[in-house]
Amino acid sequence: MYSHKVNIRVRYGETDKMGFVYYGIYAQYYEVGRVELLRSLGISYKSLEDSGYELPVVSFKINYKKPAFYDDEIIVKTSISTMPSSKIIFDYECFNTNGSLLNNGEVVLVFINMDTKKPCKAPQIVLEKLSVSL
């Protein structure tokens, strides 16, 4: 398993009338987590796109445990536990600074050939970087 953590400070505009982080914002937090996980491997989304790959989300699951509030610092732990094929699965856990689990989830993305718009195998660079880390 390869994991990476990133800290995110909750902004006022990300909260709802009850003062909780709005549930849909976690999709953005998860995106930050996966972008930074890939960056920690030396891979950027931009380099994947420049190489002719797109990565649309095909599945998003989340289980909410506790709320987060304005100005809280959230730790987003993103993990990859299986080698990608034509899809890549990211697992997530969000914690507050006290270590309490706020939510956990899974996002599945598919590698798409930018020219054909059809699913394809994961780029070699992704497989190489993860083979060393998994």
Protein backbone atom coordinates (compact mmCIF):
# COMPACT_ATOMS: atom_id res chain seq x y z
CA MET A 1 0.00 0.00 0.00
CA TYR A 2 1.21 3.50 -0.80
CA SER A 3 -0.20 6.41 1.23
CA HIS A 4 0.21 10.14 1.35
CA LYS A 5 -1.21 12.75 3.72
CA VAL A 6 -2.11 16.36 3.02
CA ASN A 7 -3.48 19.00 5.40
CA ILE A 8 -6.37 21.23 4.33
CA ARG A 9 -7.78 24.19 6.28
CA VAL A 10 -11.58 24.50 6.05
CA ARG A 11 -12.62 27.80 4.50
CA TYR A 12 -15.79 29.62 5.55
CA GLY A 13 -17.39 29.22 2.11
CA GLU A 14 -17.06 25.42 2.40
CA THR A 15 -19.49 25.26 5.32
CA ASP A 16 -23.27 25.06 5.37
CA LYS A 17 -25.85 26.88 7.49
CA MET A 18 -25.21 24.45 10.38
CA GLY A 19 -21.51 25.34 10.32
CA PHE A 20 -20.47 21.89 9.06
CA VAL A 21 -18.26 21.35 6.02
CA TYR A 22 -20.81 20.89 3.23
CA TYR A 23 -20.91 17.21 2.29
CA GLY A 24 -20.06 17.80 -1.39
CA ILE A 25 -16.84 19.62 -0.54
CA TYR A 26 -15.20 16.33 0.40
CA ALA A 27 -15.05 15.42 -3.30
CA GLN A 28 -12.74 18.43 -3.70
CA TYR A 29 -10.69 17.44 -0.65
CA TYR A 30 -10.34 13.93 -2.05
CA GLU A 31 -9.17 15.39 -5.35
CA VAL A 32 -6.46 17.36 -3.55
CA GLY A 33 -5.45 14.13 -1.82
CA ARG A 34 -5.06 12.12 -5.02
CA VAL A 35 -3.30 14.91 -6.92
CA GLU A 36 -0.80 15.27 -4.08
CA LEU A 37 -0.35 11.48 -3.78
CA LEU A 38 0.55 11.30 -7.47
CA ARG A 39 2.81 14.35 -7.12
CA SER A 40 4.60 12.61 -4.22
CA LEU A 41 5.41 9.83 -6.70
CA GLY A 42 6.78 12.35 -9.21
CA ILE A 43 3.68 12.23 -11.43
CA SER A 44 1.46 15.23 -12.18
CA TYR A 45 -2.01 15.27 -13.69
CA LYS A 46 -0.64 17.73 -16.24
CA SER A 47 2.08 15.29 -17.33
CA LEU A 48 -0.52 12.53 -17.70
CA GLU A 49 -2.71 14.82 -19.82
CA ASP A 50 0.31 15.94 -21.86
CA SER A 51 1.01 12.24 -22.50
CA GLY A 52 -2.51 11.72 -23.89
CA TYR A 53 -4.40 10.39 -20.85
CA GLU A 54 -7.56 11.55 -19.16
CA LEU A 55 -8.77 10.29 -15.77
CA PRO A 56 -12.52 10.66 -15.30
CA VAL A 57 -14.12 9.61 -12.03
CA VAL A 58 -16.44 6.62 -12.48
CA SER A 59 -17.28 5.93 -8.83
CA PHE A 60 -17.33 8.02 -5.66
CA LYS A 61 -18.22 6.53 -2.27
CA ILE A 62 -18.05 8.21 1.11
CA ASN A 63 -19.08 7.31 4.66
CA TYR A 64 -19.52 10.26 7.01
CA LYS A 65 -18.65 9.74 10.69
CA LYS A 66 -18.21 13.22 12.24
CA PRO A 67 -18.45 16.79 10.95
CA ALA A 68 -15.64 19.23 10.37
CA PHE A 69 -16.11 22.95 10.92
CA TYR A 70 -14.87 26.29 9.65
CA ASP A 71 -11.14 26.82 10.30
CA ASP A 72 -10.56 23.17 11.27
CA GLU A 73 -7.47 21.57 9.85
CA ILE A 74 -8.28 18.29 8.13
CA ILE A 75 -5.74 15.60 7.35
CA VAL A 76 -6.62 13.75 4.15
CA LYS A 77 -4.90 10.38 3.94
CA THR A 78 -5.00 8.96 0.42
CA SER A 79 -3.92 5.40 -0.34
CA ILE A 80 -3.50 3.05 -3.27
CA SER A 81 -3.48 -0.61 -2.29
CA THR A 82 -3.77 -2.34 -5.67
CA MET A 83 -1.80 -1.90 -8.85
CA PRO A 84 -3.77 0.06 -11.46
CA SER A 85 -5.02 -1.61 -14.63
CA SER A 86 -7.32 0.47 -16.79
CA LYS A 87 -8.66 1.87 -13.54
CA ILE A 88 -7.02 3.25 -10.44
CA ILE A 89 -8.63 3.04 -7.01
CA PHE A 90 -7.92 5.62 -4.32
CA ASP A 91 -8.95 5.05 -0.71
CA TYR A 92 -9.40 7.99 1.65
CA GLU A 93 -9.59 8.76 5.33
CA CYS A 94 -10.14 12.27 6.67
CA PHE A 95 -9.15 13.07 10.24
CA ASN A 96 -9.27 16.15 12.42
CA THR A 97 -6.18 17.23 14.34
CA ASN A 98 -7.36 15.24 17.37
CA GLY A 99 -7.08 12.09 15.26
CA SER A 100 -10.84 11.49 15.04
CA LEU A 101 -12.01 9.89 11.79
CA LEU A 102 -14.36 12.30 10.01
CA ASN A 103 -15.08 10.13 6.97
CA ASN A 104 -13.66 7.47 4.71
CA GLY A 105 -14.26 6.75 1.07
CA GLU A 106 -13.17 5.39 -2.25
CA VAL A 107 -12.85 7.00 -5.67
CA VAL A 108 -12.34 4.99 -8.85
CA LEU A 109 -10.95 6.65 -11.97
CA VAL A 110 -10.44 5.16 -15.42
CA PHE A 111 -7.51 5.84 -17.74
CA ILE A 112 -8.88 7.12 -21.05
CA ASN A 113 -6.91 7.55 -24.26
CA MET A 114 -7.41 11.21 -25.09
CA ASP A 115 -7.53 10.56 -28.85
CA THR A 116 -9.90 7.59 -28.93
CA LYS A 117 -11.86 8.48 -25.77
CA LYS A 118 -11.73 4.78 -24.84
CA PRO A 119 -10.40 3.10 -21.71
CA CYS A 120 -6.78 2.02 -21.89
CA LYS A 121 -4.10 0.52 -19.67
CA ALA A 122 -2.45 2.65 -17.03
CA PRO A 123 0.56 4.60 -18.31
CA GLN A 124 3.89 2.85 -17.83
CA ILE A 125 5.21 5.69 -15.65
CA VAL A 126 2.37 5.14 -13.15
CA LEU A 127 3.00 1.40 -13.04
CA GLU A 128 6.74 1.89 -12.63
CA LYS A 129 6.43 4.42 -9.80
CA LEU A 130 3.85 2.32 -7.95
CA SER A 131 5.71 -0.96 -8.42
CA VAL A 132 8.53 0.51 -6.33
CA SER A 133 6.11 1.88 -3.71
CA LEU A 134 3.44 -0.83 -3.35
